[in-house]
Amino acid sequence: MNKTDLIRKVSEKTGTSLKEAESLTNAILVTIEEALSVGDKVQLIGFGTFETRKRAERNGRNPLTGETITIPEGKVPAFKPGRSLKESVKVE
């Protein structure tokens, strides 16, 4: 499912127009992005938690030259699924 498919499903489930569903979907995604950018955690009980994690400095290799380089530490977005989501996806 891509973003267009998601917007279409949101429109169907909420009974709103595609334009309204797109606006709502974009607002949710931007709000999550803004929260993560300032270091906040977004916790949706049952669904999961969006957060940032610190990635340590590490060594890498330049694929063009083969030269070893140091990749600086940084923050990366992460998602931890909640119990309800894990159980709904579980294969039995």
PDB file of N, CA and C in Angstrom:
ATOM      1  N   MET A   1       0.852  -1.175   0.000  1.00  0.00           N
ATOM      2  CA  MET A   1       0.000   0.000   0.000  1.00  0.00           C
ATOM      3  C   MET A   1       0.895   1.235   0.000  1.00  0.00           C
ATOM      4  N   ASN A   2       0.621   2.146  -0.891  1.00  0.00           N
ATOM      5  CA  ASN A   2       1.365   3.404  -0.919  1.00  0.00           C
ATOM      6  C   ASN A   2       0.499   4.523  -0.334  1.00  0.00           C
ATOM      7  N   LYS A   3       1.002   5.739  -0.350  1.00  0.00           N
ATOM      8  CA  LYS A   3       0.292   6.856   0.275  1.00  0.00           C
ATOM      9  C   LYS A   3      -1.061   7.112  -0.394  1.00  0.00           C
ATOM     10  N   THR A   4      -1.126   6.997  -1.717  1.00  0.00           N
ATOM     11  CA  THR A   4      -2.384   7.212  -2.440  1.00  0.00           C
ATOM     12  C   THR A   4      -3.418   6.174  -2.018  1.00  0.00           C
ATOM     13  N   ASP A   5      -3.001   4.921  -1.889  1.00  0.00           N
ATOM     14  CA  ASP A   5      -3.905   3.862  -1.444  1.00  0.00           C
ATOM     15  C   ASP A   5      -4.384   4.130  -0.021  1.00  0.00           C
ATOM     16  N   LEU A   6      -3.469   4.580   0.834  1.00  0.00           N
ATOM     17  CA  LEU A   6      -3.825   4.889   2.219  1.00  0.00           C
ATOM     18  C   LEU A   6      -4.867   6.001   2.267  1.00  0.00           C
ATOM     19  N   ILE A   7      -4.664   7.044   1.489  1.00  0.00           N
ATOM     20  CA  ILE A   7      -5.614   8.163   1.457  1.00  0.00           C
ATOM     21  C   ILE A   7      -6.978   7.678   0.979  1.00  0.00           C
ATOM     22  N   ARG A   8      -6.999   6.823  -0.026  1.00  0.00           N
ATOM     23  CA  ARG A   8      -8.257   6.286  -0.544  1.00  0.00           C
ATOM     24  C   ARG A   8      -8.983   5.483   0.541  1.00  0.00           C
ATOM     25  N   LYS A   9      -8.245   4.657   1.296  1.00  0.00           N
ATOM     26  CA  LYS A   9      -8.847   3.859   2.374  1.00  0.00           C
ATOM     27  C   LYS A   9      -9.379   4.749   3.494  1.00  0.00           C
ATOM     28  N   VAL A  10      -8.608   5.786   3.856  1.00  0.00           N
ATOM     29  CA  VAL A  10      -9.059   6.720   4.892  1.00  0.00           C
ATOM     30  C   VAL A  10     -10.344   7.405   4.443  1.00  0.00           C
ATOM     31  N   SER A  11     -10.412   7.785   3.182  1.00  0.00           N
ATOM     32  CA  SER A  11     -11.606   8.418   2.633  1.00  0.00           C
ATOM     33  C   SER A  11     -12.809   7.487   2.730  1.00  0.00           C
ATOM     34  N   GLU A  12     -12.605   6.225   2.373  1.00  0.00           N
ATOM     35  CA  GLU A  12     -13.700   5.241   2.435  1.00  0.00           C
ATOM     36  C   GLU A  12     -14.156   5.006   3.870  1.00  0.00           C
ATOM     37  N   LYS A  13     -13.224   4.853   4.787  1.00  0.00           N
ATOM     38  CA  LYS A  13     -13.566   4.523   6.177  1.00  0.00           C
ATOM     39  C   LYS A  13     -14.179   5.698   6.929  1.00  0.00           C
ATOM     40  N   THR A  14     -13.821   6.932   6.552  1.00  0.00           N
ATOM     41  CA  THR A  14     -14.352   8.097   7.258  1.00  0.00           C
ATOM     42  C   THR A  14     -15.535   8.741   6.541  1.00  0.00           C
ATOM     43  N   GLY A  15     -15.780   8.337   5.301  1.00  0.00           N
ATOM     44  CA  GLY A  15     -16.876   8.929   4.541  1.00  0.00           C
ATOM     45  C   GLY A  15     -16.594  10.358   4.123  1.00  0.00           C
ATOM     46  N   THR A  16     -15.327  10.708   3.998  1.00  0.00           N
ATOM     47  CA  THR A  16     -14.946  12.055   3.583  1.00  0.00           C
ATOM     48  C   THR A  16     -14.469  12.024   2.134  1.00  0.00           C
ATOM     49  N   SER A  17     -14.296  13.197   1.569  1.00  0.00           N
ATOM     50  CA  SER A  17     -13.789  13.277   0.201  1.00  0.00           C
ATOM     51  C   SER A  17     -12.305  12.916   0.192  1.00  0.00           C
ATOM     52  N   LEU A  18     -11.796  12.606  -1.000  1.00  0.00           N
ATOM     53  CA  LEU A  18     -10.370  12.294  -1.134  1.00  0.00           C
ATOM     54  C   LEU A  18      -9.510  13.476  -0.696  1.00  0.00           C
ATOM     55  N   LYS A  19      -9.970  14.678  -1.011  1.00  0.00           N
ATOM     56  CA  LYS A  19      -9.215  15.886  -0.651  1.00  0.00           C
ATOM     57  C   LYS A  19      -9.126  16.044   0.870  1.00  0.00           C
ATOM     58  N   GLU A  20     -10.244  15.819   1.559  1.00  0.00           N
ATOM     59  CA  GLU A  20     -10.243  15.915   3.022  1.00  0.00           C
ATOM     60  C   GLU A  20      -9.389  14.806   3.639  1.00  0.00           C
ATOM     61  N   ALA A  21      -9.500  13.590   3.107  1.00  0.00           N
ATOM     62  CA  ALA A  21      -8.712  12.470   3.622  1.00  0.00           C
ATOM     63  C   ALA A  21      -7.229  12.726   3.408  1.00  0.00           C
ATOM     64  N   GLU A  22      -6.870  13.305   2.264  1.00  0.00           N
ATOM     65  CA  GLU A  22      -5.465  13.625   2.003  1.00  0.00           C
ATOM     66  C   GLU A  22      -4.961  14.660   3.003  1.00  0.00           C
ATOM     67  N   SER A  23      -5.774  15.659   3.272  1.00  0.00           N
ATOM     68  CA  SER A  23      -5.404  16.703   4.226  1.00  0.00           C
ATOM     69  C   SER A  23      -5.198  16.119   5.622  1.00  0.00           C
ATOM     70  N   LEU A  24      -6.109  15.240   6.049  1.00  0.00           N
ATOM     71  CA  LEU A  24      -5.995  14.607   7.367  1.00  0.00           C
ATOM     72  C   LEU A  24      -4.757  13.719   7.450  1.00  0.00           C
ATOM     73  N   THR A  25      -4.535  12.916   6.436  1.00  0.00           N
ATOM     74  CA  THR A  25      -3.381  12.014   6.412  1.00  0.00           C
ATOM     75  C   THR A  25      -2.082  12.807   6.457  1.00  0.00           C
ATOM     76  N   ASN A  26      -1.993  13.842   5.629  1.00  0.00           N
ATOM     77  CA  ASN A  26      -0.784  14.675   5.612  1.00  0.00           C
ATOM     78  C   ASN A  26      -0.560  15.359   6.960  1.00  0.00           C
ATOM     79  N   ALA A  27      -1.641  15.815   7.592  1.00  0.00           N
ATOM     80  CA  ALA A  27      -1.529  16.487   8.890  1.00  0.00           C
ATOM     81  C   ALA A  27      -0.974  15.524   9.947  1.00  0.00           C
ATOM     82  N   ILE A  28      -1.441  14.286   9.931  1.00  0.00           N
ATOM     83  CA  ILE A  28      -0.949  13.292  10.892  1.00  0.00           C
ATOM     84  C   ILE A  28       0.528  13.011  10.657  1.00  0.00           C
ATOM     85  N   LEU A  29       0.905  12.800   9.409  1.00  0.00           N
ATOM     86  CA  LEU A  29       2.297  12.483   9.090  1.00  0.00           C
ATOM     87  C   LEU A  29       3.236  13.644   9.433  1.00  0.00           C
ATOM     88  N   VAL A  30       2.820  14.860   9.133  1.00  0.00           N
ATOM     89  CA  VAL A  30       3.646  16.034   9.440  1.00  0.00           C
ATOM     90  C   VAL A  30       3.774  16.217  10.960  1.00  0.00           C
ATOM     91  N   THR A  31       2.701  15.971  11.686  1.00  0.00           N
ATOM     92  CA  THR A  31       2.730  16.103  13.140  1.00  0.00           C
ATOM     93  C   THR A  31       3.699  15.096  13.758  1.00  0.00           C
ATOM     94  N   ILE A  32       3.682  13.855  13.268  1.00  0.00           N
ATOM     95  CA  ILE A  32       4.627  12.844  13.752  1.00  0.00           C
ATOM     96  C   ILE A  32       6.056  13.266  13.422  1.00  0.00           C
ATOM     97  N   GLU A  33       6.268  13.737  12.197  1.00  0.00           N
ATOM     98  CA  GLU A  33       7.604  14.171  11.769  1.00  0.00           C
ATOM     99  C   GLU A  33       8.111  15.322  12.633  1.00  0.00           C
ATOM    100  N   GLU A  34       7.255  16.296  12.914  1.00  0.00           N
ATOM    101  CA  GLU A  34       7.657  17.442  13.731  1.00  0.00           C
ATOM    102  C   GLU A  34       8.010  17.011  15.154  1.00  0.00           C
ATOM    103  N   ALA A  35       7.224  16.102  15.712  1.00  0.00           N
ATOM    104  CA  ALA A  35       7.495  15.627  17.071  1.00  0.00           C
ATOM    105  C   ALA A  35       8.845  14.912  17.127  1.00  0.00           C
ATOM    106  N   LEU A  36       9.120  14.059  16.145  1.00  0.00           N
ATOM    107  CA  LEU A  36      10.388  13.336  16.123  1.00  0.00           C
ATOM    108  C   LEU A  36      11.569  14.276  15.926  1.00  0.00           C
ATOM    109  N   SER A  37      11.377  15.324  15.143  1.00  0.00           N
ATOM    110  CA  SER A  37      12.483  16.240  14.852  1.00  0.00           C
ATOM    111  C   SER A  37      12.945  17.010  16.083  1.00  0.00           C
ATOM    112  N   VAL A  38      12.067  17.161  17.072  1.00  0.00           N
ATOM    113  CA  VAL A  38      12.471  17.848  18.309  1.00  0.00           C
ATOM    114  C   VAL A  38      12.754  16.864  19.439  1.00  0.00           C
ATOM    115  N   GLY A  39      12.771  15.568  19.111  1.00  0.00           N
ATOM    116  CA  GLY A  39      13.131  14.559  20.101  1.00  0.00           C
ATOM    117  C   GLY A  39      11.981  13.980  20.896  1.00  0.00           C
ATOM    118  N   ASP A  40      10.742  14.352  20.548  1.00  0.00           N
ATOM    119  CA  ASP A  40       9.584  13.796  21.254  1.00  0.00           C
ATOM    120  C   ASP A  40       9.258  12.403  20.741  1.00  0.00           C
ATOM    121  N   LYS A  41       8.519  11.669  21.544  1.00  0.00           N
ATOM    122  CA  LYS A  41       8.064  10.329  21.205  1.00  0.00           C
ATOM    123  C   LYS A  41       6.567  10.415  20.905  1.00  0.00           C
ATOM    124  N   VAL A  42       6.091   9.687  19.896  1.00  0.00           N
ATOM    125  CA  VAL A  42       4.664   9.646  19.581  1.00  0.00           C
ATOM    126  C   VAL A  42       4.184   8.226  19.880  1.00  0.00           C
ATOM    127  N   GLN A  43       3.358   8.103  20.925  1.00  0.00           N
ATOM    128  CA  GLN A  43       2.906   6.790  21.373  1.00  0.00           C
ATOM    129  C   GLN A  43       1.417   6.636  21.098  1.00  0.00           C
ATOM    130  N   LEU A  44       1.075   5.666  20.260  1.00  0.00           N
ATOM    131  CA  LEU A  44      -0.310   5.363  19.931  1.00  0.00           C
ATOM    132  C   LEU A  44      -0.613   3.997  20.552  1.00  0.00           C
ATOM    133  N   ILE A  45      -1.287   4.009  21.695  1.00  0.00           N
ATOM    134  CA  ILE A  45      -1.521   2.793  22.466  1.00  0.00           C
ATOM    135  C   ILE A  45      -2.174   1.729  21.578  1.00  0.00           C
ATOM    136  N   GLY A  46      -1.595   0.541  21.598  1.00  0.00           N
ATOM    137  CA  GLY A  46      -2.101  -0.572  20.807  1.00  0.00           C
ATOM    138  C   GLY A  46      -1.506  -0.640  19.415  1.00  0.00           C
ATOM    139  N   PHE A  47      -1.150   0.509  18.849  1.00  0.00           N
ATOM    140  CA  PHE A  47      -0.582   0.531  17.501  1.00  0.00           C
ATOM    141  C   PHE A  47       0.938   0.486  17.553  1.00  0.00           C
ATOM    142  N   GLY A  48       1.535   1.439  18.261  1.00  0.00           N
ATOM    143  CA  GLY A  48       2.986   1.449  18.367  1.00  0.00           C
ATOM    144  C   GLY A  48       3.529   2.806  18.759  1.00  0.00           C
ATOM    145  N   THR A  49       4.851   2.882  18.793  1.00  0.00           N
ATOM    146  CA  THR A  49       5.537   4.096  19.215  1.00  0.00           C
ATOM    147  C   THR A  49       6.559   4.518  18.165  1.00  0.00           C
ATOM    148  N   PHE A  50       6.488   5.774  17.774  1.00  0.00           N
ATOM    149  CA  PHE A  50       7.486   6.385  16.898  1.00  0.00           C
ATOM    150  C   PHE A  50       8.451   7.132  17.803  1.00  0.00           C
ATOM    151  N   GLU A  51       9.749   6.933  17.596  1.00  0.00           N
ATOM    152  CA  GLU A  51      10.742   7.608  18.418  1.00  0.00           C
ATOM    153  C   GLU A  51      12.029   7.773  17.622  1.00  0.00           C
ATOM    154  N   THR A  52      12.977   8.500  18.204  1.00  0.00           N
ATOM    155  CA  THR A  52      14.289   8.606  17.576  1.00  0.00           C
ATOM    156  C   THR A  52      15.278   7.834  18.435  1.00  0.00           C
ATOM    157  N   ARG A  53      16.246   7.247  17.772  1.00  0.00           N
ATOM    158  CA  ARG A  53      17.294   6.513  18.466  1.00  0.00           C
ATOM    159  C   ARG A  53      18.638   7.048  18.028  1.00  0.00           C
ATOM    160  N   LYS A  54      19.582   7.010  18.951  1.00  0.00           N
ATOM    161  CA  LYS A  54      20.934   7.484  18.660  1.00  0.00           C
ATOM    162  C   LYS A  54      21.711   6.362  17.977  1.00  0.00           C
ATOM    163  N   ARG A  55      22.328   6.676  16.868  1.00  0.00           N
ATOM    164  CA  ARG A  55      23.189   5.719  16.171  1.00  0.00           C
ATOM    165  C   ARG A  55      24.626   6.144  16.423  1.00  0.00           C
ATOM    166  N   ALA A  56      25.429   5.239  16.929  1.00  0.00           N
ATOM    167  CA  ALA A  56      26.810   5.540  17.284  1.00  0.00           C
ATOM    168  C   ALA A  56      27.674   5.773  16.045  1.00  0.00           C
ATOM    169  N   GLU A  57      28.781   6.478  16.265  1.00  0.00           N
ATOM    170  CA  GLU A  57      29.759   6.675  15.185  1.00  0.00           C
ATOM    171  C   GLU A  57      30.288   5.308  14.758  1.00  0.00           C
ATOM    172  N   ARG A  58      30.499   5.141  13.450  1.00  0.00           N
ATOM    173  CA  ARG A  58      30.973   3.848  12.969  1.00  0.00           C
ATOM    174  C   ARG A  58      31.831   4.034  11.728  1.00  0.00           C
ATOM    175  N   ASN A  59      32.557   2.991  11.383  1.00  0.00           N
ATOM    176  CA  ASN A  59      33.386   3.024  10.185  1.00  0.00           C
ATOM    177  C   ASN A  59      32.598   2.482   9.003  1.00  0.00           C
ATOM    178  N   GLY A  60      32.837   3.066   7.840  1.00  0.00           N
ATOM    179  CA  GLY A  60      32.204   2.617   6.605  1.00  0.00           C
ATOM    180  C   GLY A  60      33.226   2.630   5.491  1.00  0.00           C
ATOM    181  N   ARG A  61      32.763   2.349   4.300  1.00  0.00           N
ATOM    182  CA  ARG A  61      33.674   2.305   3.165  1.00  0.00           C
ATOM    183  C   ARG A  61      33.043   3.068   2.002  1.00  0.00           C
ATOM    184  N   ASN A  62      33.830   3.937   1.378  1.00  0.00           N
ATOM    185  CA  ASN A  62      33.382   4.661   0.189  1.00  0.00           C
ATOM    186  C   ASN A  62      33.307   3.644  -0.954  1.00  0.00           C
ATOM    187  N   PRO A  63      32.111   3.413  -1.529  1.00  0.00           N
ATOM    188  CA  PRO A  63      31.980   2.387  -2.553  1.00  0.00           C
ATOM    189  C   PRO A  63      32.723   2.714  -3.854  1.00  0.00           C
ATOM    190  N   LEU A  64      32.996   3.974  -4.102  1.00  0.00           N
ATOM    191  CA  LEU A  64      33.705   4.343  -5.330  1.00  0.00           C
ATOM    192  C   LEU A  64      35.207   4.116  -5.235  1.00  0.00           C
ATOM    193  N   THR A  65      35.771   4.481  -4.065  1.00  0.00           N
ATOM    194  CA  THR A  65      37.227   4.411  -3.925  1.00  0.00           C
ATOM    195  C   THR A  65      37.701   3.267  -3.038  1.00  0.00           C
ATOM    196  N   GLY A  66      36.792   2.709  -2.235  1.00  0.00           N
ATOM    197  CA  GLY A  66      37.181   1.660  -1.306  1.00  0.00           C
ATOM    198  C   GLY A  66      37.828   2.211  -0.044  1.00  0.00           C
ATOM    199  N   GLU A  67      37.931   3.528   0.046  1.00  0.00           N
ATOM    200  CA  GLU A  67      38.561   4.189   1.188  1.00  0.00           C
ATOM    201  C   GLU A  67      37.688   4.036   2.436  1.00  0.00           C
ATOM    202  N   THR A  68      38.310   3.775   3.587  1.00  0.00           N
ATOM    203  CA  THR A  68      37.591   3.691   4.853  1.00  0.00           C
ATOM    204  C   THR A  68      37.276   5.105   5.324  1.00  0.00           C
ATOM    205  N   ILE A  69      36.016   5.319   5.721  1.00  0.00           N
ATOM    206  CA  ILE A  69      35.584   6.627   6.212  1.00  0.00           C
ATOM    207  C   ILE A  69      34.906   6.448   7.561  1.00  0.00           C
ATOM    208  N   THR A  70      34.822   7.512   8.319  1.00  0.00           N
ATOM    209  CA  THR A  70      34.115   7.502   9.594  1.00  0.00           C
ATOM    210  C   THR A  70      32.753   8.137   9.383  1.00  0.00           C
ATOM    211  N   ILE A  71      31.711   7.392   9.736  1.00  0.00           N
ATOM    212  CA  ILE A  71      30.344   7.903   9.637  1.00  0.00           C
ATOM    213  C   ILE A  71      29.993   8.458  11.012  1.00  0.00           C
ATOM    214  N   PRO A  72      29.671   9.758  11.100  1.00  0.00           N
ATOM    215  CA  PRO A  72      29.419  10.373  12.406  1.00  0.00           C
ATOM    216  C   PRO A  72      28.154   9.824  13.071  1.00  0.00           C
ATOM    217  N   GLU A  73      28.080   9.999  14.399  1.00  0.00           N
ATOM    218  CA  GLU A  73      26.875   9.589  15.113  1.00  0.00           C
ATOM    219  C   GLU A  73      25.706  10.453  14.682  1.00  0.00           C
ATOM    220  N   GLY A  74      24.516   9.958  14.874  1.00  0.00           N
ATOM    221  CA  GLY A  74      23.339  10.723  14.497  1.00  0.00           C
ATOM    222  C   GLY A  74      22.078  10.117  15.085  1.00  0.00           C
ATOM    223  N   LYS A  75      20.953  10.766  14.812  1.00  0.00           N
ATOM    224  CA  LYS A  75      19.659  10.274  15.259  1.00  0.00           C
ATOM    225  C   LYS A  75      18.938   9.678  14.060  1.00  0.00           C
ATOM    226  N   VAL A  76      18.227   8.574  14.292  1.00  0.00           N
ATOM    227  CA  VAL A  76      17.438   7.950  13.235  1.00  0.00           C
ATOM    228  C   VAL A  76      16.028   7.686  13.763  1.00  0.00           C
ATOM    229  N   PRO A  77      15.007   7.808  12.905  1.00  0.00           N
ATOM    230  CA  PRO A  77      13.652   7.494  13.342  1.00  0.00           C
ATOM    231  C   PRO A  77      13.487   5.986  13.494  1.00  0.00           C
ATOM    232  N   ALA A  78      12.642   5.593  14.451  1.00  0.00           N
ATOM    233  CA  ALA A  78      12.391   4.173  14.684  1.00  0.00           C
ATOM    234  C   ALA A  78      10.928   3.982  15.052  1.00  0.00           C
ATOM    235  N   PHE A  79      10.425   2.782  14.791  1.00  0.00           N
ATOM    236  CA  PHE A  79       9.043   2.435  15.137  1.00  0.00           C
ATOM    237  C   PHE A  79       9.048   1.121  15.889  1.00  0.00           C
ATOM    238  N   LYS A  80       8.365   1.104  17.015  1.00  0.00           N
ATOM    239  CA  LYS A  80       8.221  -0.121  17.806  1.00  0.00           C
ATOM    240  C   LYS A  80       6.731  -0.465  17.829  1.00  0.00           C
ATOM    241  N   PRO A  81       6.336  -1.584  17.208  1.00  0.00           N
ATOM    242  CA  PRO A  81       4.917  -1.928  17.150  1.00  0.00           C
ATOM    243  C   PRO A  81       4.349  -2.260  18.530  1.00  0.00           C
ATOM    244  N   GLY A  82       3.076  -1.925  18.721  1.00  0.00           N
ATOM    245  CA  GLY A  82       2.384  -2.249  19.959  1.00  0.00           C
ATOM    246  C   GLY A  82       1.846  -3.670  19.937  1.00  0.00           C
ATOM    247  N   ARG A  83       1.354  -4.115  21.064  1.00  0.00           N
ATOM    248  CA  ARG A  83       0.871  -5.488  21.207  1.00  0.00           C
ATOM    249  C   ARG A  83      -0.262  -5.805  20.230  1.00  0.00           C
ATOM    250  N   SER A  84      -1.253  -4.926  20.112  1.00  0.00           N
ATOM    251  CA  SER A  84      -2.389  -5.186  19.208  1.00  0.00           C
ATOM    252  C   SER A  84      -1.936  -5.343  17.765  1.00  0.00           C
ATOM    253  N   LEU A  85      -1.016  -4.483  17.336  1.00  0.00           N
ATOM    254  CA  LEU A  85      -0.507  -4.564  15.960  1.00  0.00           C
ATOM    255  C   LEU A  85       0.261  -5.861  15.756  1.00  0.00           C
ATOM    256  N   LYS A  86       1.098  -6.226  16.714  1.00  0.00           N
ATOM    257  CA  LYS A  86       1.863  -7.477  16.601  1.00  0.00           C
ATOM    258  C   LYS A  86       0.925  -8.670  16.492  1.00  0.00           C
ATOM    259  N   GLU A  87      -0.121  -8.685  17.319  1.00  0.00           N
ATOM    260  CA  GLU A  87      -1.044  -9.813  17.315  1.00  0.00           C
ATOM    261  C   GLU A  87      -1.876  -9.881  16.040  1.00  0.00           C
ATOM    262  N   SER A  88      -2.221  -8.737  15.462  1.00  0.00           N
ATOM    263  CA  SER A  88      -3.014  -8.750  14.237  1.00  0.00           C
ATOM    264  C   SER A  88      -2.217  -9.191  13.021  1.00  0.00           C
ATOM    265  N   VAL A  89      -0.898  -9.056  13.089  1.00  0.00           N
ATOM    266  CA  VAL A  89      -0.034  -9.439  11.980  1.00  0.00           C
ATOM    267  C   VAL A  89       0.498 -10.858  12.142  1.00  0.00           C
ATOM    268  N   LYS A  90       0.471 -11.371  13.348  1.00  0.00           N
ATOM    269  CA  LYS A  90       1.029 -12.689  13.666  1.00  0.00           C
ATOM    270  C   LYS A  90       0.415 -13.778  12.777  1.00  0.00           C
ATOM    271  N   VAL A  91       1.277 -14.623  12.238  1.00  0.00           N
ATOM    272  CA  VAL A  91       0.830 -15.738  11.423  1.00  0.00           C
ATOM    273  C   VAL A  91       0.655 -16.951  12.317  1.00  0.00           C
ATOM    274  N   GLU A  92      -0.486 -17.586  12.225  1.00  0.00           N
ATOM    275  CA  GLU A  92      -0.721 -18.769  13.060  1.00  0.00           C
ATOM    276  C   GLU A  92      -0.843 -20.007  12.239  1.00  0.00           C
TER     277      GLU A  92
END
